[in-house]
PDB file of N, CA and C in Angstrom:
ATOM      1  N   MET A   1     187.154 172.331 252.782  1.00  0.00           N
ATOM      2  CA  MET A   1     186.586 172.943 251.778  1.00  0.00           C
ATOM      3  C   MET A   1     185.007 173.191 252.150  1.00  0.00           C
ATOM      4  N   PRO A   2     184.635 174.708 251.716  1.00  0.00           N
ATOM      5  CA  PRO A   2     183.487 174.944 251.771  1.00  0.00           C
ATOM      6  C   PRO A   2     182.296 174.425 251.227  1.00  0.00           C
ATOM      7  N   TYR A   3     180.904 174.425 252.091  1.00  0.00           N
ATOM      8  CA  TYR A   3     179.913 173.328 251.578  1.00  0.00           C
ATOM      9  C   TYR A   3     179.490 174.100 249.964  1.00  0.00           C
ATOM     10  N   LYS A   4     179.245 173.515 249.212  1.00  0.00           N
ATOM     11  CA  LYS A   4     178.767 174.032 248.077  1.00  0.00           C
ATOM     12  C   LYS A   4     176.803 173.288 247.668  1.00  0.00           C
ATOM     13  N   GLU A   5     175.801 174.289 247.809  1.00  0.00           N
ATOM     14  CA  GLU A   5     174.655 173.643 247.207  1.00  0.00           C
ATOM     15  C   GLU A   5     174.640 173.284 245.960  1.00  0.00           C
ATOM     16  N   ARG A   6     174.174 172.635 245.700  1.00  0.00           N
ATOM     17  CA  ARG A   6     173.957 172.042 244.440  1.00  0.00           C
ATOM     18  C   ARG A   6     172.742 173.078 243.503  1.00  0.00           C
ATOM     19  N   GLU A   7     173.010 173.138 242.546  1.00  0.00           N
ATOM     20  CA  GLU A   7     171.768 173.845 241.630  1.00  0.00           C
ATOM     21  C   GLU A   7     170.863 173.094 241.292  1.00  0.00           C
ATOM     22  N   ILE A   8     169.784 173.718 240.945  1.00  0.00           N
ATOM     23  CA  ILE A   8     168.626 173.147 240.844  1.00  0.00           C
ATOM     24  C   ILE A   8     168.498 173.432 239.598  1.00  0.00           C
ATOM     25  N   GLU A   9     168.134 172.192 238.638  1.00  0.00           N
ATOM     26  CA  GLU A   9     168.522 172.452 237.022  1.00  0.00           C
ATOM     27  C   GLU A   9     167.009 172.192 236.635  1.00  0.00           C
ATOM     28  N   LYS A  10     166.877 173.100 235.509  1.00  0.00           N
ATOM     29  CA  LYS A  10     165.381 173.148 234.854  1.00  0.00           C
ATOM     30  C   LYS A  10     165.173 171.968 234.259  1.00  0.00           C
ATOM     31  N   LYS A  11     164.354 171.319 234.058  1.00  0.00           N
ATOM     32  CA  LYS A  11     163.935 170.285 233.047  1.00  0.00           C
ATOM     33  C   LYS A  11     163.895 170.951 231.600  1.00  0.00           C
ATOM     34  N   TYR A  12     163.267 171.878 231.370  1.00  0.00           N
ATOM     35  CA  TYR A  12     162.676 172.697 230.214  1.00  0.00           C
ATOM     36  C   TYR A  12     163.197 174.242 230.299  1.00  0.00           C
ATOM     37  N   HIS A  13     163.856 174.361 229.322  1.00  0.00           N
ATOM     38  CA  HIS A  13     163.791 176.001 229.070  1.00  0.00           C
ATOM     39  C   HIS A  13     163.416 176.692 227.760  1.00  0.00           C
ATOM     40  N   SER A  14     163.108 177.772 227.959  1.00  0.00           N
ATOM     41  CA  SER A  14     162.244 178.726 227.157  1.00  0.00           C
ATOM     42  C   SER A  14     163.335 179.091 225.989  1.00  0.00           C
ATOM     43  N   ILE A  15     163.117 179.403 224.871  1.00  0.00           N
ATOM     44  CA  ILE A  15     163.750 179.715 223.567  1.00  0.00           C
ATOM     45  C   ILE A  15     164.769 181.185 224.301  1.00  0.00           C
ATOM     46  N   GLY A  16     164.148 181.880 224.781  1.00  0.00           N
ATOM     47  CA  GLY A  16     164.984 183.191 225.234  1.00  0.00           C
ATOM     48  C   GLY A  16     165.815 182.711 226.167  1.00  0.00           C
ATOM     49  N   GLU A  17     165.875 182.050 227.196  1.00  0.00           N
ATOM     50  CA  GLU A  17     166.733 181.334 227.897  1.00  0.00           C
ATOM     51  C   GLU A  17     167.980 180.743 227.149  1.00  0.00           C
ATOM     52  N   VAL A  18     167.702 180.211 225.991  1.00  0.00           N
ATOM     53  CA  VAL A  18     168.497 179.250 225.638  1.00  0.00           C
ATOM     54  C   VAL A  18     169.293 180.316 224.396  1.00  0.00           C
ATOM     55  N   ALA A  19     168.663 181.242 223.959  1.00  0.00           N
ATOM     56  CA  ALA A  19     169.326 182.548 223.202  1.00  0.00           C
ATOM     57  C   ALA A  19     170.241 183.146 223.867  1.00  0.00           C
ATOM     58  N   GLN A  20     169.975 183.466 225.316  1.00  0.00           N
ATOM     59  CA  GLN A  20     170.668 184.525 226.088  1.00  0.00           C
ATOM     60  C   GLN A  20     171.771 183.437 226.717  1.00  0.00           C
ATOM     61  N   LEU A  21     171.841 182.161 226.629  1.00  0.00           N
ATOM     62  CA  LEU A  21     172.954 180.956 226.950  1.00  0.00           C
ATOM     63  C   LEU A  21     173.971 181.253 226.128  1.00  0.00           C
ATOM     64  N   PHE A  22     173.822 181.526 224.312  1.00  0.00           N
ATOM     65  CA  PHE A  22     174.524 181.753 223.758  1.00  0.00           C
ATOM     66  C   PHE A  22     174.955 182.927 223.098  1.00  0.00           C
ATOM     67  N   LYS A  23     174.092 184.195 223.633  1.00  0.00           N
ATOM     68  CA  LYS A  23     174.157 185.539 223.383  1.00  0.00           C
ATOM     69  C   LYS A  23     173.860 185.639 221.820  1.00  0.00           C
ATOM     70  N   VAL A  24     172.607 185.104 221.374  1.00  0.00           N
ATOM     71  CA  VAL A  24     172.072 185.621 220.084  1.00  0.00           C
ATOM     72  C   VAL A  24     170.614 185.675 220.306  1.00  0.00           C
ATOM     73  N   ALA A  25     169.943 186.268 219.136  1.00  0.00           N
ATOM     74  CA  ALA A  25     168.527 186.186 219.071  1.00  0.00           C
ATOM     75  C   ALA A  25     167.754 185.123 218.865  1.00  0.00           C
ATOM     76  N   PRO A  26     166.872 185.361 219.696  1.00  0.00           N
ATOM     77  CA  PRO A  26     165.954 184.055 219.925  1.00  0.00           C
ATOM     78  C   PRO A  26     165.856 183.249 217.961  1.00  0.00           C
ATOM     79  N   SER A  27     165.291 184.726 217.318  1.00  0.00           N
ATOM     80  CA  SER A  27     165.115 184.322 216.106  1.00  0.00           C
ATOM     81  C   SER A  27     166.148 183.358 215.169  1.00  0.00           C
ATOM     82  N   LEU A  28     167.533 182.923 215.938  1.00  0.00           N
ATOM     83  CA  LEU A  28     168.423 182.581 215.215  1.00  0.00           C
ATOM     84  C   LEU A  28     168.339 181.351 215.291  1.00  0.00           C
ATOM     85  N   ILE A  29     168.178 180.792 217.001  1.00  0.00           N
ATOM     86  CA  ILE A  29     167.740 179.870 217.141  1.00  0.00           C
ATOM     87  C   ILE A  29     166.253 179.229 216.426  1.00  0.00           C
ATOM     88  N   ARG A  30     165.425 179.907 216.306  1.00  0.00           N
ATOM     89  CA  ARG A  30     164.449 179.489 215.292  1.00  0.00           C
ATOM     90  C   ARG A  30     164.976 179.095 214.084  1.00  0.00           C
ATOM     91  N   TYR A  31     165.787 179.975 213.279  1.00  0.00           N
ATOM     92  CA  TYR A  31     166.114 179.332 212.229  1.00  0.00           C
ATOM     93  C   TYR A  31     166.894 178.511 212.024  1.00  0.00           C
ATOM     94  N   TRP A  32     167.772 178.213 213.104  1.00  0.00           N
ATOM     95  CA  TRP A  32     168.395 176.916 213.157  1.00  0.00           C
ATOM     96  C   TRP A  32     167.608 175.662 213.080  1.00  0.00           C
ATOM     97  N   GLU A  33     166.540 175.950 213.956  1.00  0.00           N
ATOM     98  CA  GLU A  33     165.551 174.961 214.557  1.00  0.00           C
ATOM     99  C   GLU A  33     165.113 174.094 212.752  1.00  0.00           C
ATOM    100  N   GLY A  34     165.004 175.150 212.025  1.00  0.00           N
ATOM    101  CA  GLY A  34     164.454 174.983 210.470  1.00  0.00           C
ATOM    102  C   GLY A  34     165.579 174.303 209.471  1.00  0.00           C
ATOM    103  N   GLU A  35     166.700 174.474 209.804  1.00  0.00           N
ATOM    104  CA  GLU A  35     168.039 174.105 208.853  1.00  0.00           C
ATOM    105  C   GLU A  35     168.349 172.880 209.330  1.00  0.00           C
ATOM    106  N   PHE A  36     168.352 172.576 210.558  1.00  0.00           N
ATOM    107  CA  PHE A  36     169.116 171.214 211.350  1.00  0.00           C
ATOM    108  C   PHE A  36     167.912 170.485 211.891  1.00  0.00           C
ATOM    109  N   ASP A  37     167.954 169.254 211.656  1.00  0.00           N
ATOM    110  CA  ASP A  37     167.170 167.942 211.842  1.00  0.00           C
ATOM    111  C   ASP A  37     166.751 167.651 212.999  1.00  0.00           C
ATOM    112  N   ILE A  38     168.498 167.708 213.863  1.00  0.00           N
ATOM    113  CA  ILE A  38     168.669 167.764 214.896  1.00  0.00           C
ATOM    114  C   ILE A  38     167.852 168.061 216.198  1.00  0.00           C
ATOM    115  N   ILE A  39     167.632 169.351 215.827  1.00  0.00           N
ATOM    116  CA  ILE A  39     167.097 170.164 216.989  1.00  0.00           C
ATOM    117  C   ILE A  39     165.546 170.192 216.932  1.00  0.00           C
ATOM    118  N   ARG A  40     164.931 169.089 217.648  1.00  0.00           N
ATOM    119  CA  ARG A  40     163.745 169.021 217.368  1.00  0.00           C
ATOM    120  C   ARG A  40     162.706 169.607 218.788  1.00  0.00           C
ATOM    121  N   PRO A  41     162.806 170.577 219.526  1.00  0.00           N
ATOM    122  CA  PRO A  41     162.309 171.092 220.923  1.00  0.00           C
ATOM    123  C   PRO A  41     160.723 170.661 221.022  1.00  0.00           C
ATOM    124  N   LYS A  42     160.040 170.293 221.743  1.00  0.00           N
ATOM    125  CA  LYS A  42     158.701 169.685 222.354  1.00  0.00           C
ATOM    126  C   LYS A  42     158.441 171.124 222.506  1.00  0.00           C
ATOM    127  N   LYS A  43     156.829 170.801 222.192  1.00  0.00           N
ATOM    128  CA  LYS A  43     155.926 172.461 222.050  1.00  0.00           C
ATOM    129  C   LYS A  43     154.810 172.487 223.076  1.00  0.00           C
ATOM    130  N   ASP A  44     154.410 173.419 224.088  1.00  0.00           N
ATOM    131  CA  ASP A  44     153.368 173.528 225.075  1.00  0.00           C
ATOM    132  C   ASP A  44     152.384 173.498 224.363  1.00  0.00           C
ATOM    133  N   ARG A  45     151.402 173.255 225.329  1.00  0.00           N
ATOM    134  CA  ARG A  45     149.544 173.627 224.709  1.00  0.00           C
ATOM    135  C   ARG A  45     150.126 174.903 223.626  1.00  0.00           C
ATOM    136  N   LYS A  46     150.946 175.968 224.174  1.00  0.00           N
ATOM    137  CA  LYS A  46     150.325 177.377 223.957  1.00  0.00           C
ATOM    138  C   LYS A  46     151.476 177.194 222.178  1.00  0.00           C
ATOM    139  N   GLY A  47     152.282 176.373 222.028  1.00  0.00           N
ATOM    140  CA  GLY A  47     153.172 176.239 221.010  1.00  0.00           C
ATOM    141  C   GLY A  47     154.613 177.006 221.417  1.00  0.00           C
ATOM    142  N   ASN A  48     154.588 177.081 222.666  1.00  0.00           N
ATOM    143  CA  ASN A  48     155.886 177.378 223.083  1.00  0.00           C
ATOM    144  C   ASN A  48     156.917 176.454 223.090  1.00  0.00           C
ATOM    145  N   ARG A  49     158.334 176.719 222.812  1.00  0.00           N
ATOM    146  CA  ARG A  49     159.304 176.012 222.671  1.00  0.00           C
ATOM    147  C   ARG A  49     159.720 175.524 223.784  1.00  0.00           C
ATOM    148  N   ARG A  50     159.956 174.566 224.218  1.00  0.00           N
ATOM    149  CA  ARG A  50     160.543 173.724 225.261  1.00  0.00           C
ATOM    150  C   ARG A  50     161.761 172.998 225.117  1.00  0.00           C
ATOM    151  N   TYR A  51     162.947 173.532 225.251  1.00  0.00           N
ATOM    152  CA  TYR A  51     163.957 173.058 225.274  1.00  0.00           C
ATOM    153  C   TYR A  51     164.766 172.045 226.259  1.00  0.00           C
ATOM    154  N   THR A  52     164.840 170.684 226.077  1.00  0.00           N
ATOM    155  CA  THR A  52     165.885 170.061 227.214  1.00  0.00           C
ATOM    156  C   THR A  52     167.124 170.077 227.025  1.00  0.00           C
ATOM    157  N   LYS A  53     167.752 169.455 228.197  1.00  0.00           N
ATOM    158  CA  LYS A  53     169.211 169.649 228.178  1.00  0.00           C
ATOM    159  C   LYS A  53     170.012 169.113 226.890  1.00  0.00           C
ATOM    160  N   ILE A  54     169.046 167.945 226.358  1.00  0.00           N
ATOM    161  CA  ILE A  54     169.870 167.204 224.983  1.00  0.00           C
ATOM    162  C   ILE A  54     169.607 168.109 224.184  1.00  0.00           C
ATOM    163  N   ASP A  55     168.577 169.129 223.918  1.00  0.00           N
ATOM    164  CA  ASP A  55     168.357 170.185 222.691  1.00  0.00           C
ATOM    165  C   ASP A  55     169.367 171.144 223.130  1.00  0.00           C
ATOM    166  N   ILE A  56     169.759 171.884 223.996  1.00  0.00           N
ATOM    167  CA  ILE A  56     170.794 172.438 224.495  1.00  0.00           C
ATOM    168  C   ILE A  56     172.285 172.233 223.869  1.00  0.00           C
ATOM    169  N   GLN A  57     172.688 170.810 224.176  1.00  0.00           N
ATOM    170  CA  GLN A  57     173.875 170.163 223.711  1.00  0.00           C
ATOM    171  C   GLN A  57     173.911 170.166 222.219  1.00  0.00           C
ATOM    172  N   LYS A  58     172.945 169.920 221.488  1.00  0.00           N
ATOM    173  CA  LYS A  58     172.674 169.785 220.066  1.00  0.00           C
ATOM    174  C   LYS A  58     172.823 171.448 219.489  1.00  0.00           C
ATOM    175  N   ILE A  59     171.999 172.223 220.423  1.00  0.00           N
ATOM    176  CA  ILE A  59     172.743 173.906 219.771  1.00  0.00           C
ATOM    177  C   ILE A  59     174.048 173.899 220.161  1.00  0.00           C
ATOM    178  N   LYS A  60     174.534 173.874 220.997  1.00  0.00           N
ATOM    179  CA  LYS A  60     175.975 174.125 221.378  1.00  0.00           C
ATOM    180  C   LYS A  60     176.886 173.668 220.687  1.00  0.00           C
ATOM    181  N   TYR A  61     176.434 172.342 220.139  1.00  0.00           N
ATOM    182  CA  TYR A  61     177.141 171.863 218.911  1.00  0.00           C
ATOM    183  C   TYR A  61     176.936 172.584 217.832  1.00  0.00           C
ATOM    184  N   ILE A  62     175.981 172.921 217.225  1.00  0.00           N
ATOM    185  CA  ILE A  62     175.703 173.870 216.173  1.00  0.00           C
ATOM    186  C   ILE A  62     176.604 175.044 216.230  1.00  0.00           C
ATOM    187  N   TYR A  63     175.971 175.738 217.146  1.00  0.00           N
ATOM    188  CA  TYR A  63     177.101 177.027 217.590  1.00  0.00           C
ATOM    189  C   TYR A  63     178.286 177.058 217.535  1.00  0.00           C
ATOM    190  N   HIS A  64     178.957 175.966 217.832  1.00  0.00           N
ATOM    191  CA  HIS A  64     180.445 175.281 218.016  1.00  0.00           C
ATOM    192  C   HIS A  64     180.987 175.734 216.686  1.00  0.00           C
ATOM    193  N   LEU A  65     179.999 174.571 215.718  1.00  0.00           N
ATOM    194  CA  LEU A  65     180.154 174.765 214.061  1.00  0.00           C
ATOM    195  C   LEU A  65     180.381 175.547 213.408  1.00  0.00           C
ATOM    196  N   VAL A  66     179.280 176.717 213.610  1.00  0.00           N
ATOM    197  CA  VAL A  66     178.705 177.598 212.881  1.00  0.00           C
ATOM    198  C   VAL A  66     179.820 178.573 213.637  1.00  0.00           C
ATOM    199  N   LYS A  67     179.553 179.085 214.547  1.00  0.00           N
ATOM    200  CA  LYS A  67     180.184 180.439 215.153  1.00  0.00           C
ATOM    201  C   LYS A  67     181.482 180.441 215.811  1.00  0.00           C
ATOM    202  N   GLU A  68     182.039 179.303 216.114  1.00  0.00           N
ATOM    203  CA  GLU A  68     183.242 178.901 216.576  1.00  0.00           C
ATOM    204  C   GLU A  68     184.283 178.681 215.516  1.00  0.00           C
ATOM    205  N   LYS A  69     184.274 177.238 214.671  1.00  0.00           N
ATOM    206  CA  LYS A  69     184.948 177.308 213.446  1.00  0.00           C
ATOM    207  C   LYS A  69     184.799 177.646 212.412  1.00  0.00           C
ATOM    208  N   GLY A  70     183.639 178.665 212.360  1.00  0.00           N
ATOM    209  CA  GLY A  70     183.320 178.789 210.811  1.00  0.00           C
ATOM    210  C   GLY A  70     183.014 178.677 209.550  1.00  0.00           C
ATOM    211  N   TYR A  71     182.071 176.983 209.873  1.00  0.00           N
ATOM    212  CA  TYR A  71     181.630 176.213 209.192  1.00  0.00           C
ATOM    213  C   TYR A  71     180.110 177.468 208.367  1.00  0.00           C
ATOM    214  N   THR A  72     179.867 177.019 207.463  1.00  0.00           N
ATOM    215  CA  THR A  72     178.647 177.493 206.558  1.00  0.00           C
ATOM    216  C   THR A  72     177.481 176.605 207.210  1.00  0.00           C
ATOM    217  N   LEU A  73     176.172 176.865 207.161  1.00  0.00           N
ATOM    218  CA  LEU A  73     175.282 176.112 207.413  1.00  0.00           C
ATOM    219  C   LEU A  73     175.354 174.678 206.852  1.00  0.00           C
ATOM    220  N   GLN A  74     175.465 174.822 205.805  1.00  0.00           N
ATOM    221  CA  GLN A  74     175.616 173.788 204.804  1.00  0.00           C
ATOM    222  C   GLN A  74     176.805 172.787 205.024  1.00  0.00           C
ATOM    223  N   GLY A  75     178.146 173.256 205.428  1.00  0.00           N
ATOM    224  CA  GLY A  75     179.269 172.862 205.926  1.00  0.00           C
ATOM    225  C   GLY A  75     179.005 172.082 207.226  1.00  0.00           C
ATOM    226  N   ALA A  76     178.335 172.586 208.139  1.00  0.00           N
ATOM    227  CA  ALA A  76     177.908 172.283 209.648  1.00  0.00           C
ATOM    228  C   ALA A  76     176.737 170.859 209.025  1.00  0.00           C
ATOM    229  N   GLN A  77     175.349 171.398 208.320  1.00  0.00           N
ATOM    230  CA  GLN A  77     174.807 169.925 208.078  1.00  0.00           C
ATOM    231  C   GLN A  77     175.621 168.757 207.692  1.00  0.00           C
ATOM    232  N   GLU A  78     176.304 168.678 206.733  1.00  0.00           N
ATOM    233  CA  GLU A  78     177.376 167.851 205.880  1.00  0.00           C
ATOM    234  C   GLU A  78     177.983 167.173 207.722  1.00  0.00           C
ATOM    235  N   VAL A  79     178.483 167.825 208.263  1.00  0.00           N
ATOM    236  CA  VAL A  79     179.239 167.425 209.192  1.00  0.00           C
ATOM    237  C   VAL A  79     178.611 166.456 210.124  1.00  0.00           C
ATOM    238  N   ILE A  80     177.159 167.027 210.536  1.00  0.00           N
ATOM    239  CA  ILE A  80     176.430 166.659 211.128  1.00  0.00           C
ATOM    240  C   ILE A  80     175.685 165.411 210.778  1.00  0.00           C
ATOM    241  N   LYS A  81     175.585 165.586 209.587  1.00  0.00           N
ATOM    242  CA  LYS A  81     175.148 164.366 208.459  1.00  0.00           C
ATOM    243  C   LYS A  81     175.999 162.847 208.645  1.00  0.00           C
ATOM    244  N   SER A  82     177.433 163.235 208.361  1.00  0.00           N
ATOM    245  CA  SER A  82     178.370 162.502 207.845  1.00  0.00           C
ATOM    246  C   SER A  82     178.874 161.609 209.118  1.00  0.00           C
ATOM    247  N   GLY A  83     178.600 162.662 210.556  1.00  0.00           N
ATOM    248  CA  GLY A  83     178.671 161.770 211.630  1.00  0.00           C
ATOM    249  C   GLY A  83     180.440 161.760 212.053  1.00  0.00           C
ATOM    250  N   LYS A  84     181.252 162.510 211.451  1.00  0.00           N
ATOM    251  CA  LYS A  84     182.696 162.823 211.242  1.00  0.00           C
ATOM    252  C   LYS A  84     182.809 163.157 212.347  1.00  0.00           C
ATOM    253  N   ASP A  85     182.611 164.134 212.862  1.00  0.00           N
ATOM    254  CA  ASP A  85     183.117 164.897 214.148  1.00  0.00           C
ATOM    255  C   ASP A  85     182.329 164.686 215.470  1.00  0.00           C
ATOM    256  N   GLN A  86     181.438 163.734 215.555  1.00  0.00           N
ATOM    257  CA  GLN A  86     180.532 163.088 216.698  1.00  0.00           C
ATOM    258  C   GLN A  86     181.164 164.457 217.545  1.00  0.00           C
ATOM    259  N   GLY A  87     180.721 165.629 217.741  1.00  0.00           N
ATOM    260  CA  GLY A  87     181.392 166.734 218.364  1.00  0.00           C
ATOM    261  C   GLY A  87     180.572 167.109 219.567  1.00  0.00           C
ATOM    262  N   PHE A  88     179.532 166.457 219.991  1.00  0.00           N
ATOM    263  CA  PHE A  88     178.373 166.763 221.098  1.00  0.00           C
ATOM    264  C   PHE A  88     179.365 166.474 222.166  1.00  0.00           C
ATOM    265  N   ASP A  89     179.846 165.440 222.543  1.00  0.00           N
ATOM    266  CA  ASP A  89     180.808 165.483 224.057  1.00  0.00           C
ATOM    267  C   ASP A  89     181.874 166.246 223.481  1.00  0.00           C
ATOM    268  N   LYS A  90     182.663 166.178 222.662  1.00  0.00           N
ATOM    269  CA  LYS A  90     183.768 166.871 222.621  1.00  0.00           C
ATOM    270  C   LYS A  90     183.761 168.509 223.013  1.00  0.00           C
ATOM    271  N   VAL A  91     182.865 168.952 222.290  1.00  0.00           N
ATOM    272  CA  VAL A  91     182.302 170.592 222.597  1.00  0.00           C
ATOM    273  C   VAL A  91     182.043 170.424 224.131  1.00  0.00           C
ATOM    274  N   GLU A  92     181.269 169.693 224.984  1.00  0.00           N
ATOM    275  CA  GLU A  92     180.929 169.560 226.217  1.00  0.00           C
ATOM    276  C   GLU A  92     182.311 169.467 226.710  1.00  0.00           C
ATOM    277  N   ALA A  93     183.036 168.685 226.507  1.00  0.00           N
ATOM    278  CA  ALA A  93     184.508 168.572 227.118  1.00  0.00           C
ATOM    279  C   ALA A  93     185.727 169.156 227.275  1.00  0.00           C
ATOM    280  N   VAL A  94     185.704 170.044 225.808  1.00  0.00           N
ATOM    281  CA  VAL A  94     186.538 171.192 226.034  1.00  0.00           C
ATOM    282  C   VAL A  94     186.078 172.277 226.461  1.00  0.00           C
ATOM    283  N   GLN A  95     184.859 172.359 226.834  1.00  0.00           N
ATOM    284  CA  GLN A  95     184.245 173.444 227.888  1.00  0.00           C
ATOM    285  C   GLN A  95     184.573 173.316 229.314  1.00  0.00           C
ATOM    286  N   ARG A  96     184.353 172.483 229.531  1.00  0.00           N
ATOM    287  CA  ARG A  96     184.863 171.795 231.022  1.00  0.00           C
ATOM    288  C   ARG A  96     186.249 171.737 231.142  1.00  0.00           C
ATOM    289  N   LEU A  97     187.121 171.463 230.447  1.00  0.00           N
ATOM    290  CA  LEU A  97     188.608 171.311 230.454  1.00  0.00           C
ATOM    291  C   LEU A  97     188.662 173.067 230.785  1.00  0.00           C
ATOM    292  N   GLN A  98     188.149 173.696 229.853  1.00  0.00           N
ATOM    293  CA  GLN A  98     188.521 175.307 229.758  1.00  0.00           C
ATOM    294  C   GLN A  98     188.175 175.874 230.947  1.00  0.00           C
ATOM    295  N   GLU A  99     187.292 175.508 231.758  1.00  0.00           N
ATOM    296  CA  GLU A  99     187.038 175.856 233.223  1.00  0.00           C
ATOM    297  C   GLU A  99     187.776 175.499 234.187  1.00  0.00           C
ATOM    298  N   ILE A 100     188.317 174.370 234.072  1.00  0.00           N
ATOM    299  CA  ILE A 100     189.328 174.073 234.824  1.00  0.00           C
ATOM    300  C   ILE A 100     190.374 174.508 234.738  1.00  0.00           C
ATOM    301  N   LYS A 101     191.035 174.805 233.603  1.00  0.00           N
ATOM    302  CA  LYS A 101     192.117 175.668 233.618  1.00  0.00           C
ATOM    303  C   LYS A 101     192.123 176.928 234.034  1.00  0.00           C
ATOM    304  N   ASP A 102     191.018 177.503 233.548  1.00  0.00           N
ATOM    305  CA  ASP A 102     190.849 179.034 234.185  1.00  0.00           C
ATOM    306  C   ASP A 102     190.730 178.628 236.273  1.00  0.00           C
ATOM    307  N   PHE A 103     190.151 177.628 236.708  1.00  0.00           N
ATOM    308  CA  PHE A 103     190.322 177.829 237.882  1.00  0.00           C
ATOM    309  C   PHE A 103     191.155 177.341 238.636  1.00  0.00           C
ATOM    310  N   LEU A 104     192.381 176.864 237.957  1.00  0.00           N
ATOM    311  CA  LEU A 104     193.806 176.602 238.084  1.00  0.00           C
ATOM    312  C   LEU A 104     194.513 177.510 238.090  1.00  0.00           C
ATOM    313  N   ILE A 105     194.181 178.300 236.811  1.00  0.00           N
ATOM    314  CA  ILE A 105     195.035 179.228 236.993  1.00  0.00           C
ATOM    315  C   ILE A 105     194.728 180.825 237.854  1.00  0.00           C
ATOM    316  N   ASN A 106     193.740 181.114 238.407  1.00  0.00           N
ATOM    317  CA  ASN A 106     192.873 181.541 239.358  1.00  0.00           C
ATOM    318  C   ASN A 106     193.835 180.977 240.674  1.00  0.00           C
ATOM    319  N   ILE A 107     193.710 179.698 240.984  1.00  0.00           N
ATOM    320  CA  ILE A 107     194.438 179.220 242.032  1.00  0.00           C
ATOM    321  C   ILE A 107     196.106 179.984 242.309  1.00  0.00           C
ATOM    322  N   ARG A 108     196.289 179.479 240.895  1.00  0.00           N
ATOM    323  CA  ARG A 108     198.126 179.906 240.830  1.00  0.00           C
ATOM    324  C   ARG A 108     198.346 181.125 241.172  1.00  0.00           C
ATOM    325  N   ASP A 109     197.397 182.026 240.175  1.00  0.00           N
ATOM    326  CA  ASP A 109     197.553 183.657 240.688  1.00  0.00           C
ATOM    327  C   ASP A 109     197.687 183.939 241.890  1.00  0.00           C
ATOM    328  N   GLU A 110     196.639 183.460 242.918  1.00  0.00           N
ATOM    329  CA  GLU A 110     196.012 183.885 244.337  1.00  0.00           C
ATOM    330  C   GLU A 110     197.194 183.209 245.167  1.00  0.00           C
ATOM    331  N   PHE A 111     198.006 182.338 244.748  1.00  0.00           N
ATOM    332  CA  PHE A 111     199.183 181.682 245.621  1.00  0.00           C
ATOM    333  C   PHE A 111     200.173 182.621 245.329  1.00  0.00           C
ATOM    334  N   ASN A 112     200.719 183.276 244.137  1.00  0.00           N
ATOM    335  CA  ASN A 112     201.658 183.847 243.788  1.00  0.00           C
ATOM    336  C   ASN A 112     201.382 185.323 244.423  1.00  0.00           C
ATOM    337  N   ALA A 113     200.303 185.544 244.532  1.00  0.00           N
ATOM    338  CA  ALA A 113     199.656 187.149 245.239  1.00  0.00           C
ATOM    339  C   ALA A 113     200.169 187.144 246.808  1.00  0.00           C
ATOM    340  N   LYS A 114     199.596 186.122 247.141  1.00  0.00           N
ATOM    341  CA  LYS A 114     200.199 185.612 248.981  1.00  0.00           C
ATOM    342  C   LYS A 114     201.502 185.492 249.331  1.00  0.00           C
ATOM    343  N   SER A 115     202.025 184.939 248.279  1.00  0.00           N
ATOM    344  CA  SER A 115     203.488 184.404 248.456  1.00  0.00           C
ATOM    345  C   SER A 115     204.505 185.518 248.217  1.00  0.00           C
ATOM    346  N   GLY A 116     203.934 186.170 247.663  1.00  0.00           N
ATOM    347  CA  GLY A 116     205.079 187.106 246.891  1.00  0.00           C
ATOM    348  C   GLY A 116     205.974 187.386 245.975  1.00  0.00           C
ATOM    349  N   GLY A 117     205.137 186.307 245.207  1.00  0.00           N
ATOM    350  CA  GLY A 117     206.220 185.918 244.042  1.00  0.00           C
ATOM    351  C   GLY A 117     205.465 185.615 243.189  1.00  0.00           C
TER     352      GLY A 117
END
């Protein structure tokens, strides 16, 4: 098994980096910050938002509810307030399982290509 270097994880991310992760405009992240109480990034001396890994997980959850499941903002707020779907961990787990599935399919396809079947 080849050696894999560990990625260096940043402690804080800018709004532009977070927006790029989700392929949305920074203005949408700022808008969600005003609409959802759970997003409260720290701000530096200049007033720039600094998002932690936990902030990004919360944004990922909101993104999942609004963009992937099709909730309205009000509907997503109600789901979050009720705690009905406690989805922070679920969204992360589903994405990780999808990555594993894709990896395994890739291995199977490579194996089939090499074995001629």
